[in-house]
Amino acid sequence: MAYTVPHLLEDFGLSHSELGGLFSIATISAGFVQPPLGRLVDRFGARVCIPITQVSLFVTLFGFSHWLPTRSRMALYTEVVVLFFFLRMLSMGAAELFPSACVQQWFERRKGRALAVLGTFQQLGNGVASPLVSGTVLSSGWRFAALAGSLGNLLLAPMSLLLLRRSPESCGLQPDGWTALTTEDIEELKVEQPHAADAEEQLP
């Protein structure tokens, strides 16, 4: 969004203070939506929530690329707040919350290390995307950059749906890659190691 600010100021006739105030309202409003987003990922899992987020980003960025200013000042303010609200909620909220929740489901003992790796790749992605976005805005305009971002998210959605899984248990695994034991496996282990089973039964 930072690369589009000068163009938005010029195209829509907004001042820095106006745009900054509207952006703050949208950001604060988007912050209140984070707890419901957390409940959604707890209920439906990252495999459902992440593709939906990417499709929602496609719709939002596509609308952003075709956005035309209105003559009414109040209507323009409302449009800016609504648009930035969805952009902040999706890009800085759901797009960071859902992958983090997914990683925490798959790791227990190595959770800190896994989250650190996720954060590293997120920052690397931002570092790579920044010059690409700024170059696209300078060469082709902010509308084309928004349209390209929307199409990129649309292409990522089916890949996420194909590759992601709801939980390790749905794949017969446990966190950290351990194979989930069935009831039959546990009974076999007790037969093979009777002393260990007796010791386990004697524990308070």
N, C-alpha and C. Protein backbone atom coordinates (compact mmCIF):
# COMPACT_ATOMS: atom_id res chain seq x y z
N MET A 1 0.81 -1.20 0.00
CA MET A 1 0.00 0.00 0.00
C MET A 1 0.85 1.26 0.00
N ALA A 2 2.03 1.21 0.61
CA ALA A 2 2.86 2.42 0.72
C ALA A 2 3.23 2.97 -0.65
N TYR A 3 3.39 2.07 -1.63
CA TYR A 3 3.81 2.52 -2.96
C TYR A 3 2.67 3.20 -3.72
N THR A 4 1.44 3.00 -3.29
CA THR A 4 0.30 3.61 -3.98
C THR A 4 -0.11 4.94 -3.36
N VAL A 5 0.43 5.27 -2.19
CA VAL A 5 -0.01 6.47 -1.48
C VAL A 5 0.15 7.74 -2.31
N PRO A 6 1.31 8.01 -2.89
CA PRO A 6 1.42 9.24 -3.69
C PRO A 6 0.42 9.30 -4.84
N HIS A 7 0.15 8.16 -5.45
CA HIS A 7 -0.79 8.12 -6.58
C HIS A 7 -2.23 8.30 -6.10
N LEU A 8 -2.55 7.73 -4.94
CA LEU A 8 -3.90 7.92 -4.40
C LEU A 8 -4.13 9.38 -4.02
N LEU A 9 -3.12 10.01 -3.45
CA LEU A 9 -3.25 11.42 -3.09
C LEU A 9 -3.52 12.27 -4.32
N GLU A 10 -2.85 11.93 -5.40
CA GLU A 10 -3.01 12.71 -6.63
C GLU A 10 -4.31 12.39 -7.35
N ASP A 11 -4.63 11.10 -7.48
CA ASP A 11 -5.80 10.70 -8.26
C ASP A 11 -7.11 11.05 -7.57
N PHE A 12 -7.14 10.97 -6.25
CA PHE A 12 -8.39 11.16 -5.53
C PHE A 12 -8.45 12.49 -4.80
N GLY A 13 -7.43 13.29 -4.91
CA GLY A 13 -7.45 14.62 -4.31
C GLY A 13 -7.49 14.62 -2.80
N LEU A 14 -6.81 13.65 -2.17
CA LEU A 14 -6.76 13.57 -0.72
C LEU A 14 -5.45 14.17 -0.21
N SER A 15 -5.51 14.75 0.98
CA SER A 15 -4.30 15.26 1.62
C SER A 15 -3.65 14.15 2.43
N HIS A 16 -2.41 14.37 2.86
CA HIS A 16 -1.72 13.37 3.67
C HIS A 16 -2.47 13.14 4.99
N SER A 17 -2.95 14.19 5.59
CA SER A 17 -3.66 14.04 6.86
C SER A 17 -4.98 13.30 6.67
N GLU A 18 -5.69 13.58 5.58
CA GLU A 18 -6.95 12.88 5.32
C GLU A 18 -6.71 11.40 5.11
N LEU A 19 -5.76 11.07 4.24
CA LEU A 19 -5.49 9.67 3.96
C LEU A 19 -4.97 8.95 5.19
N GLY A 20 -4.08 9.62 5.95
CA GLY A 20 -3.55 9.00 7.16
C GLY A 20 -4.63 8.74 8.20
N GLY A 21 -5.55 9.69 8.37
CA GLY A 21 -6.65 9.50 9.32
C GLY A 21 -7.57 8.37 8.91
N LEU A 22 -7.91 8.31 7.63
CA LEU A 22 -8.78 7.25 7.14
C LEU A 22 -8.10 5.89 7.24
N PHE A 23 -6.81 5.86 6.96
CA PHE A 23 -6.06 4.62 7.06
C PHE A 23 -6.00 4.15 8.51
N SER A 24 -5.86 5.08 9.46
CA SER A 24 -5.82 4.71 10.88
C SER A 24 -7.16 4.13 11.32
N ILE A 25 -8.26 4.74 10.88
CA ILE A 25 -9.58 4.22 11.23
C ILE A 25 -9.76 2.81 10.69
N ALA A 26 -9.33 2.59 9.45
CA ALA A 26 -9.46 1.26 8.86
C ALA A 26 -8.59 0.24 9.57
N THR A 27 -7.38 0.64 9.96
CA THR A 27 -6.46 -0.29 10.63
C THR A 27 -6.98 -0.67 12.01
N ILE A 28 -7.46 0.31 12.78
CA ILE A 28 -8.01 0.03 14.11
C ILE A 28 -9.24 -0.87 13.99
N SER A 29 -10.09 -0.57 13.02
CA SER A 29 -11.29 -1.40 12.83
C SER A 29 -10.92 -2.83 12.47
N ALA A 30 -9.91 -2.99 11.62
CA ALA A 30 -9.48 -4.33 11.24
C ALA A 30 -8.90 -5.10 12.42
N GLY A 31 -8.31 -4.38 13.38
CA GLY A 31 -7.77 -5.05 14.55
C GLY A 31 -8.83 -5.73 15.39
N PHE A 32 -10.03 -5.18 15.43
CA PHE A 32 -11.11 -5.77 16.22
C PHE A 32 -11.64 -7.06 15.58
N VAL A 33 -11.28 -7.31 14.34
CA VAL A 33 -11.78 -8.52 13.65
C VAL A 33 -10.86 -9.71 13.89
N GLN A 34 -9.68 -9.49 14.46
CA GLN A 34 -8.73 -10.58 14.63
C GLN A 34 -9.24 -11.70 15.53
N PRO A 35 -9.88 -11.41 16.69
CA PRO A 35 -10.40 -12.53 17.50
C PRO A 35 -11.41 -13.41 16.77
N PRO A 36 -12.38 -12.84 16.02
CA PRO A 36 -13.25 -13.74 15.23
C PRO A 36 -12.49 -14.55 14.19
N LEU A 37 -11.44 -13.96 13.61
CA LEU A 37 -10.65 -14.74 12.66
C LEU A 37 -9.96 -15.91 13.35
N GLY A 38 -9.51 -15.68 14.58
CA GLY A 38 -8.90 -16.77 15.34
C GLY A 38 -9.88 -17.89 15.60
N ARG A 39 -11.12 -17.53 15.91
CA ARG A 39 -12.14 -18.57 16.13
C ARG A 39 -12.44 -19.33 14.85
N LEU A 40 -12.39 -18.63 13.72
CA LEU A 40 -12.66 -19.30 12.44
C LEU A 40 -11.59 -20.35 12.13
N VAL A 41 -10.33 -19.99 12.34
CA VAL A 41 -9.26 -20.96 12.02
C VAL A 41 -9.28 -22.10 13.02
N ASP A 42 -9.70 -21.86 14.26
CA ASP A 42 -9.83 -22.96 15.22
C ASP A 42 -10.94 -23.93 14.80
N ARG A 43 -11.99 -23.40 14.21
CA ARG A 43 -13.13 -24.24 13.86
C ARG A 43 -12.95 -24.96 12.54
N PHE A 44 -12.45 -24.24 11.53
CA PHE A 44 -12.40 -24.81 10.18
C PHE A 44 -11.01 -25.23 9.74
N GLY A 45 -9.96 -24.76 10.40
CA GLY A 45 -8.62 -25.15 10.04
C GLY A 45 -8.02 -24.26 8.95
N ALA A 46 -6.69 -24.30 8.87
CA ALA A 46 -5.99 -23.44 7.91
C ALA A 46 -6.23 -23.87 6.47
N ARG A 47 -6.53 -25.14 6.25
CA ARG A 47 -6.74 -25.61 4.87
C ARG A 47 -7.94 -24.93 4.23
N VAL A 48 -8.93 -24.57 5.02
CA VAL A 48 -10.09 -23.86 4.51
C VAL A 48 -9.87 -22.35 4.56
N CYS A 49 -9.31 -21.87 5.67
CA CYS A 49 -9.22 -20.43 5.89
C CYS A 49 -8.21 -19.74 4.98
N ILE A 50 -7.07 -20.38 4.73
CA ILE A 50 -6.04 -19.74 3.90
C ILE A 50 -6.50 -19.57 2.44
N PRO A 51 -7.04 -20.60 1.78
CA PRO A 51 -7.55 -20.37 0.42
C PRO A 51 -8.67 -19.32 0.36
N ILE A 52 -9.55 -19.32 1.37
CA ILE A 52 -10.61 -18.31 1.39
C ILE A 52 -10.00 -16.91 1.52
N THR A 53 -8.97 -16.77 2.32
CA THR A 53 -8.29 -15.48 2.44
C THR A 53 -7.70 -15.04 1.11
N GLN A 54 -7.08 -15.98 0.40
CA GLN A 54 -6.47 -15.64 -0.88
C GLN A 54 -7.52 -15.25 -1.92
N VAL A 55 -8.65 -15.94 -1.93
CA VAL A 55 -9.73 -15.55 -2.83
C VAL A 55 -10.30 -14.19 -2.44
N SER A 56 -10.41 -13.94 -1.15
CA SER A 56 -10.91 -12.64 -0.68
C SER A 56 -9.94 -11.52 -1.06
N LEU A 57 -8.64 -11.79 -0.97
CA LEU A 57 -7.66 -10.80 -1.40
C LEU A 57 -7.75 -10.55 -2.90
N PHE A 58 -8.03 -11.60 -3.66
CA PHE A 58 -8.23 -11.43 -5.10
C PHE A 58 -9.39 -10.48 -5.37
N VAL A 59 -10.51 -10.70 -4.69
CA VAL A 59 -11.68 -9.84 -4.89
C VAL A 59 -11.38 -8.41 -4.46
N THR A 60 -10.73 -8.25 -3.31
CA THR A 60 -10.45 -6.91 -2.79
C THR A 60 -9.47 -6.16 -3.68
N LEU A 61 -8.38 -6.80 -4.07
CA LEU A 61 -7.40 -6.13 -4.92
C LEU A 61 -7.95 -5.87 -6.32
N PHE A 62 -8.79 -6.78 -6.80
CA PHE A 62 -9.41 -6.56 -8.11
C PHE A 62 -10.31 -5.33 -8.06
N GLY A 63 -11.09 -5.23 -6.98
CA GLY A 63 -11.92 -4.04 -6.81
C GLY A 63 -11.09 -2.79 -6.64
N PHE A 64 -9.98 -2.90 -5.93
CA PHE A 64 -9.08 -1.77 -5.74
C PHE A 64 -8.51 -1.28 -7.07
N SER A 65 -8.17 -2.23 -7.95
CA SER A 65 -7.59 -1.85 -9.24
C SER A 65 -8.60 -1.15 -10.14
N HIS A 66 -9.89 -1.37 -9.91
CA HIS A 66 -10.93 -0.74 -10.74
C HIS A 66 -11.67 0.37 -9.99
N TRP A 67 -11.12 0.77 -8.86
CA TRP A 67 -11.79 1.76 -8.02
C TRP A 67 -11.73 3.15 -8.65
N LEU A 68 -12.87 3.80 -8.76
CA LEU A 68 -12.96 5.17 -9.28
C LEU A 68 -13.52 6.08 -8.20
N PRO A 69 -12.95 7.28 -8.05
CA PRO A 69 -13.41 8.17 -6.98
C PRO A 69 -14.80 8.72 -7.26
N THR A 70 -15.52 9.00 -6.20
CA THR A 70 -16.83 9.61 -6.31
C THR A 70 -16.72 11.11 -6.05
N ARG A 71 -17.74 11.83 -6.46
CA ARG A 71 -17.71 13.28 -6.28
C ARG A 71 -17.98 13.69 -4.84
N SER A 72 -18.80 12.93 -4.15
CA SER A 72 -19.11 13.24 -2.76
C SER A 72 -17.91 12.97 -1.87
N ARG A 73 -17.57 13.95 -1.03
CA ARG A 73 -16.42 13.80 -0.16
C ARG A 73 -16.67 12.72 0.90
N MET A 74 -17.85 12.72 1.49
CA MET A 74 -18.15 11.74 2.51
C MET A 74 -18.20 10.33 1.93
N ALA A 75 -18.71 10.20 0.72
CA ALA A 75 -18.74 8.89 0.07
C ALA A 75 -17.32 8.41 -0.21
N LEU A 76 -16.44 9.33 -0.60
CA LEU A 76 -15.04 8.97 -0.85
C LEU A 76 -14.37 8.51 0.44
N TYR A 77 -14.61 9.23 1.54
CA TYR A 77 -14.04 8.83 2.82
C TYR A 77 -14.51 7.42 3.20
N THR A 78 -15.79 7.16 3.00
CA THR A 78 -16.33 5.85 3.35
C THR A 78 -15.71 4.75 2.50
N GLU A 79 -15.55 5.01 1.22
CA GLU A 79 -14.96 4.02 0.33
C GLU A 79 -13.52 3.72 0.73
N VAL A 80 -12.76 4.76 1.07
CA VAL A 80 -11.36 4.56 1.46
C VAL A 80 -11.28 3.71 2.73
N VAL A 81 -12.11 4.01 3.72
CA VAL A 81 -12.09 3.26 4.97
C VAL A 81 -12.47 1.80 4.73
N VAL A 82 -13.52 1.57 3.97
CA VAL A 82 -13.97 0.19 3.71
C VAL A 82 -12.91 -0.60 2.95
N LEU A 83 -12.34 0.02 1.93
CA LEU A 83 -11.33 -0.66 1.13
C LEU A 83 -10.09 -0.98 1.95
N PHE A 84 -9.58 0.01 2.69
CA PHE A 84 -8.40 -0.23 3.51
C PHE A 84 -8.69 -1.19 4.65
N PHE A 85 -9.92 -1.19 5.14
CA PHE A 85 -10.29 -2.14 6.18
C PHE A 85 -10.11 -3.58 5.70
N PHE A 86 -10.62 -3.87 4.52
CA PHE A 86 -10.48 -5.23 3.98
C PHE A 86 -9.02 -5.56 3.64
N LEU A 87 -8.30 -4.58 3.12
CA LEU A 87 -6.90 -4.83 2.80
C LEU A 87 -6.08 -5.11 4.05
N ARG A 88 -6.29 -4.35 5.10
CA ARG A 88 -5.55 -4.56 6.34
C ARG A 88 -5.99 -5.87 7.02
N MET A 89 -7.29 -6.11 7.05
CA MET A 89 -7.80 -7.32 7.70
C MET A 89 -7.26 -8.57 7.03
N LEU A 90 -7.18 -8.55 5.71
CA LEU A 90 -6.76 -9.74 4.97
C LEU A 90 -5.24 -9.86 4.88
N SER A 91 -4.56 -8.79 4.48
CA SER A 91 -3.13 -8.88 4.22
C SER A 91 -2.29 -8.89 5.50
N MET A 92 -2.62 -8.04 6.46
CA MET A 92 -1.85 -7.96 7.70
C MET A 92 -2.50 -8.73 8.85
N GLY A 93 -3.71 -9.20 8.66
CA GLY A 93 -4.39 -9.96 9.70
C GLY A 93 -4.48 -11.43 9.38
N ALA A 94 -5.42 -11.79 8.53
CA ALA A 94 -5.66 -13.20 8.21
C ALA A 94 -4.46 -13.85 7.55
N ALA A 95 -3.78 -13.13 6.66
CA ALA A 95 -2.65 -13.73 5.93
C ALA A 95 -1.46 -14.02 6.84
N GLU A 96 -1.41 -13.42 8.02
CA GLU A 96 -0.35 -13.72 8.98
C GLU A 96 -0.85 -14.65 10.09
N LEU A 97 -2.10 -14.48 10.50
CA LEU A 97 -2.65 -15.29 11.58
C LEU A 97 -2.84 -16.74 11.17
N PHE A 98 -3.43 -16.98 10.00
CA PHE A 98 -3.75 -18.34 9.59
C PHE A 98 -2.51 -19.21 9.38
N PRO A 99 -1.46 -18.74 8.68
CA PRO A 99 -0.25 -19.58 8.58
C PRO A 99 0.38 -19.87 9.93
N SER A 100 0.38 -18.88 10.83
CA SER A 100 0.94 -19.11 12.16
C SER A 100 0.16 -20.18 12.91
N ALA A 101 -1.17 -20.12 12.84
CA ALA A 101 -1.99 -21.14 13.49
C ALA A 101 -1.74 -22.52 12.88
N CYS A 102 -1.54 -22.56 11.58
CA CYS A 102 -1.26 -23.83 10.89
C CYS A 102 0.05 -24.43 11.37
N VAL A 103 1.09 -23.62 11.45
CA VAL A 103 2.40 -24.11 11.88
C VAL A 103 2.35 -24.62 13.32
N GLN A 104 1.62 -23.92 14.18
CA GLN A 104 1.55 -24.33 15.58
C GLN A 104 0.82 -25.65 15.77
N GLN A 105 -0.04 -26.01 14.83
CA GLN A 105 -0.70 -27.31 14.90
C GLN A 105 0.26 -28.45 14.57
N TRP A 106 1.22 -28.16 13.72
CA TRP A 106 2.11 -29.22 13.23
C TRP A 106 3.38 -29.38 14.06
N PHE A 107 3.63 -28.47 14.98
CA PHE A 107 4.85 -28.54 15.78
C PHE A 107 4.51 -28.32 17.24
N GLU A 108 5.16 -29.11 18.10
CA GLU A 108 4.99 -28.96 19.54
C GLU A 108 6.33 -28.66 20.20
N ARG A 109 7.25 -29.61 20.15
CA ARG A 109 8.56 -29.39 20.77
C ARG A 109 9.38 -28.36 20.00
N ARG A 110 9.19 -28.29 18.70
CA ARG A 110 9.97 -27.37 17.87
C ARG A 110 9.12 -26.19 17.40
N LYS A 111 8.11 -25.84 18.17
CA LYS A 111 7.17 -24.79 17.76
C LYS A 111 7.88 -23.44 17.58
N GLY A 112 8.74 -23.09 18.53
CA GLY A 112 9.46 -21.82 18.43
C GLY A 112 10.33 -21.75 17.19
N ARG A 113 11.04 -22.85 16.91
CA ARG A 113 11.89 -22.87 15.73
C ARG A 113 11.07 -22.79 14.45
N ALA A 114 9.94 -23.50 14.42
CA ALA A 114 9.09 -23.48 13.22
C ALA A 114 8.52 -22.09 12.98
N LEU A 115 8.07 -21.42 14.05
CA LEU A 115 7.53 -20.07 13.89
C LEU A 115 8.62 -19.10 13.45
N ALA A 116 9.85 -19.31 13.94
CA ALA A 116 10.96 -18.46 13.52
C ALA A 116 11.25 -18.62 12.03
N VAL A 117 11.20 -19.86 11.56
CA VAL A 117 11.42 -20.11 10.12
C VAL A 117 10.30 -19.47 9.30
N LEU A 118 9.06 -19.61 9.79
CA LEU A 118 7.93 -18.98 9.10
C LEU A 118 8.11 -17.47 9.02
N GLY A 119 8.49 -16.85 10.15
CA GLY A 119 8.72 -15.41 10.15
C GLY A 119 9.84 -15.00 9.23
N THR A 120 10.90 -15.82 9.15
CA THR A 120 12.02 -15.52 8.26
C THR A 120 11.57 -15.51 6.81
N PHE A 121 10.81 -16.53 6.42
CA PHE A 121 10.35 -16.59 5.03
C PHE A 121 9.34 -15.49 4.72
N GLN A 122 8.54 -15.11 5.70
CA GLN A 122 7.61 -14.00 5.48
C GLN A 122 8.37 -12.70 5.22
N GLN A 123 9.43 -12.47 6.01
CA GLN A 123 10.22 -11.26 5.81
C GLN A 123 10.99 -11.30 4.49
N LEU A 124 11.49 -12.48 4.14
CA LEU A 124 12.17 -12.62 2.85
C LEU A 124 11.20 -12.37 1.70
N GLY A 125 9.98 -12.88 1.85
CA GLY A 125 8.97 -12.63 0.82
C GLY A 125 8.65 -11.16 0.68
N ASN A 126 8.53 -10.48 1.82
CA ASN A 126 8.28 -9.04 1.76
C ASN A 126 9.44 -8.30 1.12
N GLY A 127 10.67 -8.75 1.42
CA GLY A 127 11.83 -8.10 0.83
C GLY A 127 11.92 -8.29 -0.68
N VAL A 128 11.52 -9.47 -1.15
CA VAL A 128 11.54 -9.74 -2.58
C VAL A 128 10.39 -9.02 -3.29
N ALA A 129 9.23 -9.00 -2.62
CA ALA A 129 8.05 -8.40 -3.26
C ALA A 129 8.14 -6.88 -3.34
N SER A 130 8.81 -6.26 -2.38
CA SER A 130 8.85 -4.80 -2.33
C SER A 130 9.40 -4.17 -3.60
N PRO A 131 10.59 -4.57 -4.09
CA PRO A 131 11.08 -3.95 -5.34
C PRO A 131 10.22 -4.32 -6.54
N LEU A 132 9.64 -5.52 -6.54
CA LEU A 132 8.77 -5.90 -7.65
C LEU A 132 7.52 -5.03 -7.70
N VAL A 133 6.91 -4.81 -6.55
CA VAL A 133 5.70 -4.00 -6.50
C VAL A 133 6.01 -2.55 -6.84
N SER A 134 7.09 -2.02 -6.25
CA SER A 134 7.43 -0.62 -6.53
C SER A 134 7.78 -0.43 -8.00
N GLY A 135 8.50 -1.39 -8.58
CA GLY A 135 8.84 -1.29 -10.00
C GLY A 135 7.61 -1.36 -10.89
N THR A 136 6.67 -2.24 -10.52
CA THR A 136 5.43 -2.34 -11.29
C THR A 136 4.61 -1.07 -11.20
N VAL A 137 4.54 -0.49 -10.00
CA VAL A 137 3.79 0.76 -9.83
C VAL A 137 4.41 1.88 -10.66
N LEU A 138 5.74 1.96 -10.67
CA LEU A 138 6.40 3.02 -11.42
C LEU A 138 6.27 2.82 -12.92
N SER A 139 6.32 1.57 -13.38
CA SER A 139 6.32 1.32 -14.81
C SER A 139 4.92 1.20 -15.41
N SER A 140 3.99 0.59 -14.65
CA SER A 140 2.67 0.31 -15.21
C SER A 140 1.52 0.94 -14.43
N GLY A 141 1.80 1.56 -13.30
CA GLY A 141 0.75 2.20 -12.52
C GLY A 141 0.26 1.33 -11.38
N TRP A 142 -0.37 1.98 -10.39
CA TRP A 142 -0.82 1.24 -9.21
C TRP A 142 -2.01 0.34 -9.50
N ARG A 143 -2.81 0.69 -10.49
CA ARG A 143 -3.95 -0.17 -10.81
C ARG A 143 -3.49 -1.51 -11.38
N PHE A 144 -2.50 -1.48 -12.24
CA PHE A 144 -1.98 -2.73 -12.80
C PHE A 144 -1.29 -3.56 -11.72
N ALA A 145 -0.60 -2.89 -10.79
CA ALA A 145 0.05 -3.62 -9.70
C ALA A 145 -0.98 -4.31 -8.81
N ALA A 146 -2.09 -3.61 -8.53
CA ALA A 146 -3.16 -4.23 -7.73
C ALA A 146 -3.80 -5.38 -8.48
N LEU A 147 -3.98 -5.23 -9.78
CA LEU A 147 -4.57 -6.30 -10.58
C LEU A 147 -3.65 -7.52 -10.61
N ALA A 148 -2.35 -7.30 -10.75
CA ALA A 148 -1.40 -8.41 -10.74
C ALA A 148 -1.41 -9.12 -9.39
N GLY A 149 -1.48 -8.35 -8.29
CA GLY A 149 -1.56 -8.97 -6.97
C GLY A 149 -2.82 -9.79 -6.79
N SER A 150 -3.93 -9.30 -7.35
CA SER A 150 -5.18 -10.05 -7.24
C SER A 150 -5.10 -11.37 -7.98
N LEU A 151 -4.53 -11.36 -9.17
CA LEU A 151 -4.42 -12.59 -9.94
C LEU A 151 -3.44 -13.56 -9.29
N GLY A 152 -2.38 -13.03 -8.66
CA GLY A 152 -1.43 -13.89 -7.96
C GLY A 152 -2.10 -14.64 -6.81
N ASN A 153 -2.95 -13.94 -6.05
CA ASN A 153 -3.66 -14.60 -4.95
C ASN A 153 -4.65 -15.62 -5.47
N LEU A 154 -5.27 -15.34 -6.59
CA LEU A 154 -6.21 -16.30 -7.16
C LEU A 154 -5.50 -17.58 -7.60
N LEU A 155 -4.28 -17.46 -8.10
CA LEU A 155 -3.52 -18.64 -8.50
C LEU A 155 -3.03 -19.44 -7.30
N LEU A 156 -2.76 -18.75 -6.19
CA LEU A 156 -2.26 -19.44 -5.00
C LEU A 156 -3.35 -20.22 -4.26
N ALA A 157 -4.60 -19.79 -4.41
CA ALA A 157 -5.69 -20.42 -3.65
C ALA A 157 -5.83 -21.92 -3.91
N PRO A 158 -5.90 -22.38 -5.16
CA PRO A 158 -6.02 -23.84 -5.36
C PRO A 158 -4.78 -24.60 -4.91
N MET A 159 -3.61 -23.98 -5.01
CA MET A 159 -2.40 -24.64 -4.53
C MET A 159 -2.46 -24.84 -3.02
N SER A 160 -2.92 -23.84 -2.29
CA SER A 160 -3.04 -23.97 -0.84
C SER A 160 -4.06 -25.05 -0.47
N LEU A 161 -5.16 -25.08 -1.19
CA LEU A 161 -6.19 -26.08 -0.92
C LEU A 161 -5.67 -27.49 -1.19
N LEU A 162 -4.81 -27.62 -2.18
CA LEU A 162 -4.26 -28.93 -2.54
C LEU A 162 -3.18 -29.40 -1.57
N LEU A 163 -2.34 -28.48 -1.12
CA LEU A 163 -1.16 -28.87 -0.33
C LEU A 163 -1.41 -28.88 1.17
N LEU A 164 -2.27 -28.02 1.67
CA LEU A 164 -2.47 -27.92 3.11
C LEU A 164 -3.38 -29.02 3.63
N ARG A 165 -3.18 -29.36 4.89
CA ARG A 165 -4.04 -30.31 5.60
C ARG A 165 -4.51 -29.67 6.90
N ARG A 166 -5.67 -30.09 7.38
CA ARG A 166 -6.25 -29.47 8.56
C ARG A 166 -5.38 -29.65 9.80
N SER A 167 -4.84 -30.86 9.98
CA SER A 167 -4.06 -31.16 11.18
C SER A 167 -3.19 -32.38 10.92
N PRO A 168 -2.16 -32.61 11.75
CA PRO A 168 -1.35 -33.84 11.58
C PRO A 168 -2.18 -35.10 11.75
N GLU A 169 -3.16 -35.05 12.67
CA GLU A 169 -3.98 -36.23 12.92
C GLU A 169 -4.78 -36.66 11.70
N SER A 170 -5.15 -35.70 10.85
CA SER A 170 -5.89 -36.04 9.64
C SER A 170 -5.03 -36.81 8.64
N CYS A 171 -3.71 -36.77 8.82
CA CYS A 171 -2.79 -37.51 7.94
C CYS A 171 -2.18 -38.71 8.64
N GLY A 172 -2.71 -39.08 9.80
CA GLY A 172 -2.14 -40.19 10.55
C GLY A 172 -0.85 -39.86 11.24
N LEU A 173 -0.63 -38.59 11.54
CA LEU A 173 0.60 -38.14 12.19
C LEU A 173 0.27 -37.42 13.47
N GLN A 174 1.33 -37.12 14.21
CA GLN A 174 1.25 -36.28 15.39
C GLN A 174 2.18 -35.09 15.18
N PRO A 175 2.06 -34.05 16.01
CA PRO A 175 2.99 -32.91 15.86
C PRO A 175 4.44 -33.34 15.90
N ASP A 176 5.28 -32.59 15.19
CA ASP A 176 6.71 -32.85 15.05
C ASP A 176 7.01 -34.07 14.19
N GLY A 177 5.99 -34.59 13.46
CA GLY A 177 6.24 -35.66 12.51
C GLY A 177 6.13 -37.05 13.05
N TRP A 178 5.78 -37.22 14.33
CA TRP A 178 5.63 -38.56 14.88
C TRP A 178 4.40 -39.22 14.30
N THR A 179 4.52 -40.53 14.06
CA THR A 179 3.38 -41.29 13.54
C THR A 179 2.36 -41.52 14.65
N ALA A 180 1.12 -41.23 14.35
CA ALA A 180 0.06 -41.42 15.34
C ALA A 180 -0.18 -42.91 15.56
N LEU A 181 -0.26 -43.32 16.83
CA LEU A 181 -0.48 -44.72 17.17
C LEU A 181 -1.97 -45.01 17.28
N THR A 182 -2.38 -46.10 16.67
CA THR A 182 -3.76 -46.55 16.80
C THR A 182 -3.91 -47.36 18.09
N THR A 183 -5.13 -47.69 18.43
CA THR A 183 -5.39 -48.51 19.62
C THR A 183 -4.73 -49.87 19.50
N GLU A 184 -4.76 -50.43 18.28
CA GLU A 184 -4.13 -51.74 18.06
C GLU A 184 -2.62 -51.67 18.26
N ASP A 185 -2.02 -50.54 17.81
CA ASP A 185 -0.57 -50.39 18.00
C ASP A 185 -0.21 -50.33 19.47
N ILE A 186 -1.02 -49.62 20.26
CA ILE A 186 -0.74 -49.50 21.69
C ILE A 186 -0.86 -50.86 22.37
N GLU A 187 -1.87 -51.65 21.99
CA GLU A 187 -2.03 -52.97 22.58
C GLU A 187 -0.87 -53.88 22.23
N GLU A 188 -0.38 -53.78 21.00
CA GLU A 188 0.77 -54.59 20.59
C GLU A 188 2.01 -54.22 21.39
N LEU A 189 2.19 -52.90 21.64
CA LEU A 189 3.34 -52.47 22.43
C LEU A 189 3.26 -52.99 23.86
N LYS A 190 2.05 -53.02 24.41
CA LYS A 190 1.89 -53.54 25.77
C LYS A 190 2.20 -55.03 25.84
N VAL A 191 1.84 -55.77 24.78
CA VAL A 191 2.15 -57.21 24.75
C VAL A 191 3.65 -57.43 24.62
N GLU A 192 4.31 -56.61 23.77
CA GLU A 192 5.74 -56.77 23.56
C GLU A 192 6.54 -56.29 24.76
N GLN A 193 6.01 -55.33 25.52
CA GLN A 193 6.72 -54.80 26.67
C GLN A 193 5.81 -54.86 27.91
N PRO A 194 5.57 -56.04 28.43
CA PRO A 194 4.63 -56.19 29.55
C PRO A 194 5.08 -55.44 30.80
N HIS A 195 6.39 -55.39 31.06
CA HIS A 195 6.86 -54.73 32.26
C HIS A 195 6.60 -53.23 32.19
N ALA A 196 6.76 -52.66 31.02
CA ALA A 196 6.49 -51.23 30.85
C ALA A 196 5.01 -50.94 31.04
N ALA A 197 4.15 -51.88 30.55
CA ALA A 197 2.71 -51.68 30.71
C ALA A 197 2.32 -51.76 32.18
N ASP A 198 2.94 -52.73 32.94
CA ASP A 198 2.63 -52.87 34.36
C ASP A 198 3.06 -51.63 35.14
N ALA A 199 4.23 -51.11 34.77
CA ALA A 199 4.73 -49.91 35.45
C ALA A 199 3.82 -48.73 35.18
N GLU A 200 3.29 -48.66 33.95
CA GLU A 200 2.39 -47.55 33.60
C GLU A 200 1.09 -47.65 34.39
N GLU A 201 0.60 -48.88 34.60
CA GLU A 201 -0.64 -49.05 35.34
C GLU A 201 -0.48 -48.70 36.81
N GLN A 202 0.75 -48.85 37.37
CA GLN A 202 0.98 -48.61 38.77
C GLN A 202 1.17 -47.11 39.06
N LEU A 203 1.33 -46.31 38.01
CA LEU A 203 1.50 -44.88 38.23
C LEU A 203 0.23 -44.28 38.78
N PRO A 204 0.34 -43.31 39.72
CA PRO A 204 -0.88 -42.71 40.30
C PRO A 204 -1.59 -41.85 39.27
